mmCIF file of all heavy atoms, coordinates in Angstrom:
data_MODEL
# 
_entry.id   MODEL 
# 
loop_
_atom_site.group_PDB 
_atom_site.id 
_atom_site.type_symbol 
_atom_site.label_atom_id 
_atom_site.label_alt_id 
_atom_site.label_comp_id 
_atom_site.label_asym_id 
_atom_site.label_entity_id 
_atom_site.label_seq_id 
_atom_site.pdbx_PDB_ins_code 
_atom_site.Cartn_x 
_atom_site.Cartn_y 
_atom_site.Cartn_z 
_atom_site.occupancy 
_atom_site.B_iso_or_equiv 
_atom_site.pdbx_formal_charge 
_atom_site.auth_seq_id 
_atom_site.auth_comp_id 
_atom_site.auth_asym_id 
_atom_site.auth_atom_id 
_atom_site.pdbx_PDB_model_num 
ATOM 1   N N   . ALA A 1 1  ? -21.491 6.284   8.254  1.00 0.00 ? 1  ALA A N   1 
ATOM 2   C CA  . ALA A 1 1  ? -21.665 6.627   9.671  1.00 0.00 ? 1  ALA A CA  1 
ATOM 3   C C   . ALA A 1 1  ? -20.391 6.316   10.454 1.00 0.00 ? 1  ALA A C   1 
ATOM 4   O O   . ALA A 1 1  ? -19.957 7.093   11.314 1.00 0.00 ? 1  ALA A O   1 
ATOM 5   C CB  . ALA A 1 1  ? -22.848 5.855   10.251 1.00 0.00 ? 1  ALA A CB  1 
ATOM 6   N N   . ASN A 1 2  ? -19.772 5.163   10.156 1.00 0.00 ? 2  ASN A N   1 
ATOM 7   C CA  . ASN A 1 2  ? -18.516 4.792   10.824 1.00 0.00 ? 2  ASN A CA  1 
ATOM 8   C C   . ASN A 1 2  ? -17.433 5.826   10.581 1.00 0.00 ? 2  ASN A C   1 
ATOM 9   O O   . ASN A 1 2  ? -16.725 6.233   11.508 1.00 0.00 ? 2  ASN A O   1 
ATOM 10  C CB  . ASN A 1 2  ? -18.021 3.426   10.328 1.00 0.00 ? 2  ASN A CB  1 
ATOM 11  C CG  . ASN A 1 2  ? -18.857 2.252   10.806 1.00 0.00 ? 2  ASN A CG  1 
ATOM 12  O OD1 . ASN A 1 2  ? -18.797 1.155   10.261 1.00 0.00 ? 2  ASN A OD1 1 
ATOM 13  N ND2 . ASN A 1 2  ? -19.659 2.461   11.832 1.00 0.00 ? 2  ASN A ND2 1 
ATOM 14  N N   . LYS A 1 3  ? -17.302 6.249   9.336  1.00 0.00 ? 3  LYS A N   1 
ATOM 15  C CA  . LYS A 1 3  ? -16.260 7.238   9.010  1.00 0.00 ? 3  LYS A CA  1 
ATOM 16  C C   . LYS A 1 3  ? -16.478 8.542   9.779  1.00 0.00 ? 3  LYS A C   1 
ATOM 17  O O   . LYS A 1 3  ? -15.527 9.163   10.257 1.00 0.00 ? 3  LYS A O   1 
ATOM 18  C CB  . LYS A 1 3  ? -16.241 7.491   7.500  1.00 0.00 ? 3  LYS A CB  1 
ATOM 19  C CG  . LYS A 1 3  ? -15.633 6.334   6.714  1.00 0.00 ? 3  LYS A CG  1 
ATOM 20  C CD  . LYS A 1 3  ? -15.667 6.595   5.222  1.00 0.00 ? 3  LYS A CD  1 
ATOM 21  C CE  . LYS A 1 3  ? -14.958 5.479   4.456  1.00 0.00 ? 3  LYS A CE  1 
ATOM 22  N NZ  . LYS A 1 3  ? -15.103 5.622   2.995  1.00 0.00 ? 3  LYS A NZ  1 
ATOM 23  N N   . LEU A 1 4  ? -17.743 8.963   9.892  1.00 0.00 ? 4  LEU A N   1 
ATOM 24  C CA  . LEU A 1 4  ? -18.050 10.184  10.648 1.00 0.00 ? 4  LEU A CA  1 
ATOM 25  C C   . LEU A 1 4  ? -17.682 10.026  12.124 1.00 0.00 ? 4  LEU A C   1 
ATOM 26  O O   . LEU A 1 4  ? -17.350 11.002  12.794 1.00 0.00 ? 4  LEU A O   1 
ATOM 27  C CB  . LEU A 1 4  ? -19.540 10.529  10.522 1.00 0.00 ? 4  LEU A CB  1 
ATOM 28  C CG  . LEU A 1 4  ? -19.998 11.052  9.154  1.00 0.00 ? 4  LEU A CG  1 
ATOM 29  C CD1 . LEU A 1 4  ? -21.510 11.153  9.100  1.00 0.00 ? 4  LEU A CD1 1 
ATOM 30  C CD2 . LEU A 1 4  ? -19.374 12.415  8.856  1.00 0.00 ? 4  LEU A CD2 1 
ATOM 31  N N   . ASN A 1 5  ? -17.728 8.790   12.617 1.00 0.00 ? 5  ASN A N   1 
ATOM 32  C CA  . ASN A 1 5  ? -17.383 8.532   14.023 1.00 0.00 ? 5  ASN A CA  1 
ATOM 33  C C   . ASN A 1 5  ? -15.918 8.140   14.213 1.00 0.00 ? 5  ASN A C   1 
ATOM 34  O O   . ASN A 1 5  ? -15.526 7.707   15.292 1.00 0.00 ? 5  ASN A O   1 
ATOM 35  C CB  . ASN A 1 5  ? -18.296 7.434   14.589 1.00 0.00 ? 5  ASN A CB  1 
ATOM 36  C CG  . ASN A 1 5  ? -19.655 7.980   14.995 1.00 0.00 ? 5  ASN A CG  1 
ATOM 37  O OD1 . ASN A 1 5  ? -19.742 9.054   15.581 1.00 0.00 ? 5  ASN A OD1 1 
ATOM 38  N ND2 . ASN A 1 5  ? -20.715 7.252   14.684 1.00 0.00 ? 5  ASN A ND2 1 
ATOM 39  N N   . GLY A 1 6  ? -15.122 8.261   13.156 1.00 0.00 ? 6  GLY A N   1 
ATOM 40  C CA  . GLY A 1 6  ? -13.698 7.970   13.277 1.00 0.00 ? 6  GLY A CA  1 
ATOM 41  C C   . GLY A 1 6  ? -13.359 6.496   13.321 1.00 0.00 ? 6  GLY A C   1 
ATOM 42  O O   . GLY A 1 6  ? -12.265 6.108   13.740 1.00 0.00 ? 6  GLY A O   1 
ATOM 43  N N   . VAL A 1 7  ? -14.309 5.651   12.892 1.00 0.00 ? 7  VAL A N   1 
ATOM 44  C CA  . VAL A 1 7  ? -14.069 4.204   12.856 1.00 0.00 ? 7  VAL A CA  1 
ATOM 45  C C   . VAL A 1 7  ? -13.581 3.836   11.458 1.00 0.00 ? 7  VAL A C   1 
ATOM 46  O O   . VAL A 1 7  ? -14.125 4.308   10.458 1.00 0.00 ? 7  VAL A O   1 
ATOM 47  C CB  . VAL A 1 7  ? -15.370 3.423   13.179 1.00 0.00 ? 7  VAL A CB  1 
ATOM 48  C CG1 . VAL A 1 7  ? -15.154 1.924   13.075 1.00 0.00 ? 7  VAL A CG1 1 
ATOM 49  C CG2 . VAL A 1 7  ? -15.878 3.806   14.561 1.00 0.00 ? 7  VAL A CG2 1 
ATOM 50  N N   . ASP A 1 8  ? -12.545 3.005   11.382 1.00 0.00 ? 8  ASP A N   1 
ATOM 51  C CA  . ASP A 1 8  ? -12.034 2.601   10.065 1.00 0.00 ? 8  ASP A CA  1 
ATOM 52  C C   . ASP A 1 8  ? -13.042 1.673   9.398  1.00 0.00 ? 8  ASP A C   1 
ATOM 53  O O   . ASP A 1 8  ? -13.401 0.633   9.948  1.00 0.00 ? 8  ASP A O   1 
ATOM 54  C CB  . ASP A 1 8  ? -10.672 1.919   10.193 1.00 0.00 ? 8  ASP A CB  1 
ATOM 55  C CG  . ASP A 1 8  ? -10.709 0.686   11.094 1.00 0.00 ? 8  ASP A CG  1 
ATOM 56  O OD1 . ASP A 1 8  ? -11.334 0.770   12.170 1.00 0.00 ? 8  ASP A OD1 1 
ATOM 57  O OD2 . ASP A 1 8  ? -10.136 -0.347  10.720 1.00 0.00 ? 8  ASP A OD2 1 
ATOM 58  N N   . ALA A 1 9  ? -13.532 2.070   8.245  1.00 0.00 ? 9  ALA A N   1 
ATOM 59  C CA  . ALA A 1 9  ? -14.528 1.260   7.536  1.00 0.00 ? 9  ALA A CA  1 
ATOM 60  C C   . ALA A 1 9  ? -14.447 1.582   6.060  1.00 0.00 ? 9  ALA A C   1 
ATOM 61  O O   . ALA A 1 9  ? -14.172 2.720   5.674  1.00 0.00 ? 9  ALA A O   1 
ATOM 62  C CB  . ALA A 1 9  ? -15.929 1.563   8.062  1.00 0.00 ? 9  ALA A CB  1 
ATOM 63  N N   . GLU A 1 10 ? -14.680 0.573   5.249  1.00 0.00 ? 10 GLU A N   1 
ATOM 64  C CA  . GLU A 1 10 ? -14.715 0.822   3.802  1.00 0.00 ? 10 GLU A CA  1 
ATOM 65  C C   . GLU A 1 10 ? -15.700 -0.145  3.155  1.00 0.00 ? 10 GLU A C   1 
ATOM 66  O O   . GLU A 1 10 ? -15.986 -1.225  3.675  1.00 0.00 ? 10 GLU A O   1 
ATOM 67  C CB  . GLU A 1 10 ? -13.325 0.696   3.182  1.00 0.00 ? 10 GLU A CB  1 
ATOM 68  C CG  . GLU A 1 10 ? -12.560 -0.564  3.552  1.00 0.00 ? 10 GLU A CG  1 
ATOM 69  C CD  . GLU A 1 10 ? -11.083 -0.483  3.176  1.00 0.00 ? 10 GLU A CD  1 
ATOM 70  O OE1 . GLU A 1 10 ? -10.770 -0.755  2.004  1.00 0.00 ? 10 GLU A OE1 1 
ATOM 71  O OE2 . GLU A 1 10 ? -10.263 -0.182  4.075  1.00 0.00 ? 10 GLU A OE2 1 
ATOM 72  N N   . TRP A 1 11 ? -16.232 0.286   2.016  1.00 0.00 ? 11 TRP A N   1 
ATOM 73  C CA  . TRP A 1 11 ? -17.114 -0.558  1.217  1.00 0.00 ? 11 TRP A CA  1 
ATOM 74  C C   . TRP A 1 11 ? -16.279 -1.172  0.113  1.00 0.00 ? 11 TRP A C   1 
ATOM 75  O O   . TRP A 1 11 ? -15.524 -0.464  -0.574 1.00 0.00 ? 11 TRP A O   1 
ATOM 76  C CB  . TRP A 1 11 ? -18.264 0.260   0.626  1.00 0.00 ? 11 TRP A CB  1 
ATOM 77  C CG  . TRP A 1 11 ? -19.047 -0.512  -0.397 1.00 0.00 ? 11 TRP A CG  1 
ATOM 78  C CD1 . TRP A 1 11 ? -18.988 -0.394  -1.748 1.00 0.00 ? 11 TRP A CD1 1 
ATOM 79  C CD2 . TRP A 1 11 ? -19.986 -1.572  -0.137 1.00 0.00 ? 11 TRP A CD2 1 
ATOM 80  N NE1 . TRP A 1 11 ? -19.821 -1.296  -2.360 1.00 0.00 ? 11 TRP A NE1 1 
ATOM 81  C CE2 . TRP A 1 11 ? -20.451 -2.033  -1.395 1.00 0.00 ? 11 TRP A CE2 1 
ATOM 82  C CE3 . TRP A 1 11 ? -20.472 -2.165  1.019  1.00 0.00 ? 11 TRP A CE3 1 
ATOM 83  C CZ2 . TRP A 1 11 ? -21.381 -3.064  -1.510 1.00 0.00 ? 11 TRP A CZ2 1 
ATOM 84  C CZ3 . TRP A 1 11 ? -21.401 -3.191  0.905  1.00 0.00 ? 11 TRP A CZ3 1 
ATOM 85  C CH2 . TRP A 1 11 ? -21.846 -3.627  -0.353 1.00 0.00 ? 11 TRP A CH2 1 
ATOM 86  N N   . ILE A 1 12 ? -16.350 -2.493  -0.054 1.00 0.00 ? 12 ILE A N   1 
ATOM 87  C CA  . ILE A 1 12 ? -15.543 -3.141  -1.088 1.00 0.00 ? 12 ILE A CA  1 
ATOM 88  C C   . ILE A 1 12 ? -16.444 -3.981  -1.997 1.00 0.00 ? 12 ILE A C   1 
ATOM 89  O O   . ILE A 1 12 ? -17.516 -4.435  -1.590 1.00 0.00 ? 12 ILE A O   1 
ATOM 90  C CB  . ILE A 1 12 ? -14.413 -4.013  -0.479 1.00 0.00 ? 12 ILE A CB  1 
ATOM 91  C CG1 . ILE A 1 12 ? -14.977 -5.116  0.416  1.00 0.00 ? 12 ILE A CG1 1 
ATOM 92  C CG2 . ILE A 1 12 ? -13.429 -3.153  0.303  1.00 0.00 ? 12 ILE A CG2 1 
ATOM 93  C CD1 . ILE A 1 12 ? -13.925 -6.074  0.951  1.00 0.00 ? 12 ILE A CD1 1 
ATOM 94  N N   . ASP A 1 13 ? -16.004 -4.174  -3.235 1.00 0.00 ? 13 ASP A N   1 
ATOM 95  C CA  . ASP A 1 13 ? -16.809 -4.929  -4.202 1.00 0.00 ? 13 ASP A CA  1 
ATOM 96  C C   . ASP A 1 13 ? -16.470 -6.426  -4.122 1.00 0.00 ? 13 ASP A C   1 
ATOM 97  O O   . ASP A 1 13 ? -15.515 -6.817  -3.437 1.00 0.00 ? 13 ASP A O   1 
ATOM 98  C CB  . ASP A 1 13 ? -16.613 -4.370  -5.615 1.00 0.00 ? 13 ASP A CB  1 
ATOM 99  C CG  . ASP A 1 13 ? -15.172 -4.499  -6.108 1.00 0.00 ? 13 ASP A CG  1 
ATOM 100 O OD1 . ASP A 1 13 ? -14.489 -5.485  -5.743 1.00 0.00 ? 13 ASP A OD1 1 
ATOM 101 O OD2 . ASP A 1 13 ? -14.717 -3.627  -6.871 1.00 0.00 ? 13 ASP A OD2 1 
ATOM 102 N N   . PRO A 1 14 ? -17.238 -7.273  -4.819 1.00 0.00 ? 14 PRO A N   1 
ATOM 103 C CA  . PRO A 1 14 ? -17.021 -8.728  -4.701 1.00 0.00 ? 14 PRO A CA  1 
ATOM 104 C C   . PRO A 1 14 ? -15.592 -9.169  -5.042 1.00 0.00 ? 14 PRO A C   1 
ATOM 105 O O   . PRO A 1 14 ? -15.057 -10.086 -4.410 1.00 0.00 ? 14 PRO A O   1 
ATOM 106 C CB  . PRO A 1 14 ? -18.037 -9.313  -5.685 1.00 0.00 ? 14 PRO A CB  1 
ATOM 107 C CG  . PRO A 1 14 ? -19.133 -8.301  -5.737 1.00 0.00 ? 14 PRO A CG  1 
ATOM 108 C CD  . PRO A 1 14 ? -18.458 -6.974  -5.592 1.00 0.00 ? 14 PRO A CD  1 
ATOM 109 N N   . GLN A 1 15 ? -14.988 -8.523  -6.023 1.00 0.00 ? 15 GLN A N   1 
ATOM 110 C CA  . GLN A 1 15 ? -13.630 -8.900  -6.404 1.00 0.00 ? 15 GLN A CA  1 
ATOM 111 C C   . GLN A 1 15 ? -12.640 -8.629  -5.263 1.00 0.00 ? 15 GLN A C   1 
ATOM 112 O O   . GLN A 1 15 ? -11.741 -9.432  -4.993 1.00 0.00 ? 15 GLN A O   1 
ATOM 113 C CB  . GLN A 1 15 ? -13.207 -8.143  -7.676 1.00 0.00 ? 15 GLN A CB  1 
ATOM 114 C CG  . GLN A 1 15 ? -12.109 -8.842  -8.474 1.00 0.00 ? 15 GLN A CG  1 
ATOM 115 C CD  . GLN A 1 15 ? -12.396 -10.310 -8.785 1.00 0.00 ? 15 GLN A CD  1 
ATOM 116 O OE1 . GLN A 1 15 ? -13.458 -10.649 -9.290 1.00 0.00 ? 15 GLN A OE1 1 
ATOM 117 N NE2 . GLN A 1 15 ? -11.451 -11.199 -8.451 1.00 0.00 ? 15 GLN A NE2 1 
ATOM 118 N N   . GLN A 1 16 ? -12.841 -7.505  -4.579 1.00 0.00 ? 16 GLN A N   1 
ATOM 119 C CA  . GLN A 1 16 ? -11.975 -7.187  -3.429 1.00 0.00 ? 16 GLN A CA  1 
ATOM 120 C C   . GLN A 1 16 ? -12.228 -8.152  -2.270 1.00 0.00 ? 16 GLN A C   1 
ATOM 121 O O   . GLN A 1 16 ? -11.300 -8.502  -1.531 1.00 0.00 ? 16 GLN A O   1 
ATOM 122 C CB  . GLN A 1 16 ? -12.230 -5.737  -2.983 1.00 0.00 ? 16 GLN A CB  1 
ATOM 123 C CG  . GLN A 1 16 ? -11.735 -4.694  -3.974 1.00 0.00 ? 16 GLN A CG  1 
ATOM 124 C CD  . GLN A 1 16 ? -12.240 -3.301  -3.614 1.00 0.00 ? 16 GLN A CD  1 
ATOM 125 O OE1 . GLN A 1 16 ? -13.443 -3.031  -3.614 1.00 0.00 ? 16 GLN A OE1 1 
ATOM 126 N NE2 . GLN A 1 16 ? -11.317 -2.410  -3.289 1.00 0.00 ? 16 GLN A NE2 1 
ATOM 127 N N   . VAL A 1 17 ? -13.485 -8.593  -2.134 1.00 0.00 ? 17 VAL A N   1 
ATOM 128 C CA  . VAL A 1 17 ? -13.805 -9.609  -1.121 1.00 0.00 ? 17 VAL A CA  1 
ATOM 129 C C   . VAL A 1 17 ? -12.996 -10.875 -1.415 1.00 0.00 ? 17 VAL A C   1 
ATOM 130 O O   . VAL A 1 17 ? -12.384 -11.473 -0.520 1.00 0.00 ? 17 VAL A O   1 
ATOM 131 C CB  . VAL A 1 17 ? -15.320 -9.930  -1.101 1.00 0.00 ? 17 VAL A CB  1 
ATOM 132 C CG1 . VAL A 1 17 ? -15.609 -11.137 -0.205 1.00 0.00 ? 17 VAL A CG1 1 
ATOM 133 C CG2 . VAL A 1 17 ? -16.129 -8.722  -0.643 1.00 0.00 ? 17 VAL A CG2 1 
ATOM 134 N N   . LYS A 1 18 ? -12.966 -11.271 -2.681 1.00 0.00 ? 18 LYS A N   1 
ATOM 135 C CA  . LYS A 1 18 ? -12.237 -12.478 -3.100 1.00 0.00 ? 18 LYS A CA  1 
ATOM 136 C C   . LYS A 1 18 ? -10.732 -12.332 -2.843 1.00 0.00 ? 18 LYS A C   1 
ATOM 137 O O   . LYS A 1 18 ? -10.056 -13.291 -2.461 1.00 0.00 ? 18 LYS A O   1 
ATOM 138 C CB  . LYS A 1 18 ? -12.505 -12.727 -4.590 1.00 0.00 ? 18 LYS A CB  1 
ATOM 139 C CG  . LYS A 1 18 ? -11.918 -14.024 -5.130 1.00 0.00 ? 18 LYS A CG  1 
ATOM 140 C CD  . LYS A 1 18 ? -12.756 -15.229 -4.747 1.00 0.00 ? 18 LYS A CD  1 
ATOM 141 C CE  . LYS A 1 18 ? -12.296 -16.490 -5.449 1.00 0.00 ? 18 LYS A CE  1 
ATOM 142 N NZ  . LYS A 1 18 ? -13.020 -17.684 -4.966 1.00 0.00 ? 18 LYS A NZ  1 
ATOM 143 N N   . GLU A 1 19 ? -10.208 -11.123 -3.053 1.00 0.00 ? 19 GLU A N   1 
ATOM 144 C CA  . GLU A 1 19 ? -8.778  -10.894 -2.802 1.00 0.00 ? 19 GLU A CA  1 
ATOM 145 C C   . GLU A 1 19 ? -8.448  -11.038 -1.319 1.00 0.00 ? 19 GLU A C   1 
ATOM 146 O O   . GLU A 1 19 ? -7.401  -11.578 -0.948 1.00 0.00 ? 19 GLU A O   1 
ATOM 147 C CB  . GLU A 1 19 ? -8.381  -9.499  -3.300 1.00 0.00 ? 19 GLU A CB  1 
ATOM 148 C CG  . GLU A 1 19 ? -8.263  -9.409  -4.825 1.00 0.00 ? 19 GLU A CG  1 
ATOM 149 C CD  . GLU A 1 19 ? -8.225  -7.960  -5.311 1.00 0.00 ? 19 GLU A CD  1 
ATOM 150 O OE1 . GLU A 1 19 ? -7.868  -7.076  -4.495 1.00 0.00 ? 19 GLU A OE1 1 
ATOM 151 O OE2 . GLU A 1 19 ? -8.555  -7.716  -6.484 1.00 0.00 ? 19 GLU A OE2 1 
ATOM 152 N N   . LEU A 1 20 ? -9.355  -10.545 -0.464 1.00 0.00 ? 20 LEU A N   1 
ATOM 153 C CA  . LEU A 1 20 ? -9.118  -10.632 0.979  1.00 0.00 ? 20 LEU A CA  1 
ATOM 154 C C   . LEU A 1 20 ? -9.339  -12.046 1.497  1.00 0.00 ? 20 LEU A C   1 
ATOM 155 O O   . LEU A 1 20 ? -8.690  -12.474 2.451  1.00 0.00 ? 20 LEU A O   1 
ATOM 156 C CB  . LEU A 1 20 ? -10.047 -9.665  1.729  1.00 0.00 ? 20 LEU A CB  1 
ATOM 157 C CG  . LEU A 1 20 ? -9.670  -8.186  1.657  1.00 0.00 ? 20 LEU A CG  1 
ATOM 158 C CD1 . LEU A 1 20 ? -10.838 -7.319  2.091  1.00 0.00 ? 20 LEU A CD1 1 
ATOM 159 C CD2 . LEU A 1 20 ? -8.453  -7.906  2.533  1.00 0.00 ? 20 LEU A CD2 1 
ATOM 160 N N   . CYS A 1 21 ? -10.269 -12.776 0.878  1.00 0.00 ? 21 CYS A N   1 
ATOM 161 C CA  . CYS A 1 21 ? -10.604 -14.134 1.325  1.00 0.00 ? 21 CYS A CA  1 
ATOM 162 C C   . CYS A 1 21 ? -10.757 -15.037 0.102  1.00 0.00 ? 21 CYS A C   1 
ATOM 163 O O   . CYS A 1 21 ? -11.866 -15.215 -0.415 1.00 0.00 ? 21 CYS A O   1 
ATOM 164 C CB  . CYS A 1 21 ? -11.889 -14.101 2.150  1.00 0.00 ? 21 CYS A CB  1 
ATOM 165 S SG  . CYS A 1 21 ? -12.272 -15.691 2.895  1.00 0.00 ? 21 CYS A SG  1 
ATOM 166 N N   . PRO A 1 22 ? -9.650  -15.609 -0.375 1.00 0.00 ? 22 PRO A N   1 
ATOM 167 C CA  . PRO A 1 22 ? -9.666  -16.352 -1.649 1.00 0.00 ? 22 PRO A CA  1 
ATOM 168 C C   . PRO A 1 22 ? -10.603 -17.559 -1.672 1.00 0.00 ? 22 PRO A C   1 
ATOM 169 O O   . PRO A 1 22 ? -11.017 -17.992 -2.751 1.00 0.00 ? 22 PRO A O   1 
ATOM 170 C CB  . PRO A 1 22 ? -8.206  -16.796 -1.820 1.00 0.00 ? 22 PRO A CB  1 
ATOM 171 C CG  . PRO A 1 22 ? -7.407  -15.862 -0.964 1.00 0.00 ? 22 PRO A CG  1 
ATOM 172 C CD  . PRO A 1 22 ? -8.293  -15.500 0.184  1.00 0.00 ? 22 PRO A CD  1 
ATOM 173 N N   . ILE A 1 23 ? -10.955 -18.124 -0.514 1.00 0.00 ? 23 ILE A N   1 
ATOM 174 C CA  . ILE A 1 23 ? -11.760 -19.356 -0.522 1.00 0.00 ? 23 ILE A CA  1 
ATOM 175 C C   . ILE A 1 23 ? -13.261 -19.073 -0.621 1.00 0.00 ? 23 ILE A C   1 
ATOM 176 O O   . ILE A 1 23 ? -14.063 -19.994 -0.715 1.00 0.00 ? 23 ILE A O   1 
ATOM 177 C CB  . ILE A 1 23 ? -11.493 -20.215 0.738  1.00 0.00 ? 23 ILE A CB  1 
ATOM 178 C CG1 . ILE A 1 23 ? -11.836 -19.435 2.019  1.00 0.00 ? 23 ILE A CG1 1 
ATOM 179 C CG2 . ILE A 1 23 ? -10.066 -20.712 0.765  1.00 0.00 ? 23 ILE A CG2 1 
ATOM 180 C CD1 . ILE A 1 23 ? -11.789 -20.284 3.281  1.00 0.00 ? 23 ILE A CD1 1 
ATOM 181 N N   . ILE A 1 24 ? -13.663 -17.815 -0.644 1.00 0.00 ? 24 ILE A N   1 
ATOM 182 C CA  . ILE A 1 24 ? -15.093 -17.497 -0.656 1.00 0.00 ? 24 ILE A CA  1 
ATOM 183 C C   . ILE A 1 24 ? -15.644 -17.606 -2.080 1.00 0.00 ? 24 ILE A C   1 
ATOM 184 O O   . ILE A 1 24 ? -14.933 -17.377 -3.061 1.00 0.00 ? 24 ILE A O   1 
ATOM 185 C CB  . ILE A 1 24 ? -15.334 -16.091 -0.051 1.00 0.00 ? 24 ILE A CB  1 
ATOM 186 C CG1 . ILE A 1 24 ? -16.764 -15.956 0.476  1.00 0.00 ? 24 ILE A CG1 1 
ATOM 187 C CG2 . ILE A 1 24 ? -15.014 -14.989 -1.042 1.00 0.00 ? 24 ILE A CG2 1 
ATOM 188 C CD1 . ILE A 1 24 ? -16.967 -14.779 1.419  1.00 0.00 ? 24 ILE A CD1 1 
ATOM 189 N N   . ASN A 1 25 ? -16.910 -17.971 -2.178 1.00 0.00 ? 25 ASN A N   1 
ATOM 190 C CA  . ASN A 1 25 ? -17.562 -18.125 -3.484 1.00 0.00 ? 25 ASN A CA  1 
ATOM 191 C C   . ASN A 1 25 ? -18.276 -16.825 -3.850 1.00 0.00 ? 25 ASN A C   1 
ATOM 192 O O   . ASN A 1 25 ? -19.271 -16.459 -3.231 1.00 0.00 ? 25 ASN A O   1 
ATOM 193 C CB  . ASN A 1 25 ? -18.570 -19.277 -3.392 1.00 0.00 ? 25 ASN A CB  1 
ATOM 194 C CG  . ASN A 1 25 ? -19.282 -19.526 -4.714 1.00 0.00 ? 25 ASN A CG  1 
ATOM 195 O OD1 . ASN A 1 25 ? -18.963 -18.905 -5.729 1.00 0.00 ? 25 ASN A OD1 1 
ATOM 196 N ND2 . ASN A 1 25 ? -20.250 -20.430 -4.704 1.00 0.00 ? 25 ASN A ND2 1 
# 
């Protein structure tokens, strides 16, 4: 829905979450 409205949004997997925030479990 965000993409259709021109809002920057993406779905990321747990590994990508860890890359963006290394301290998360």
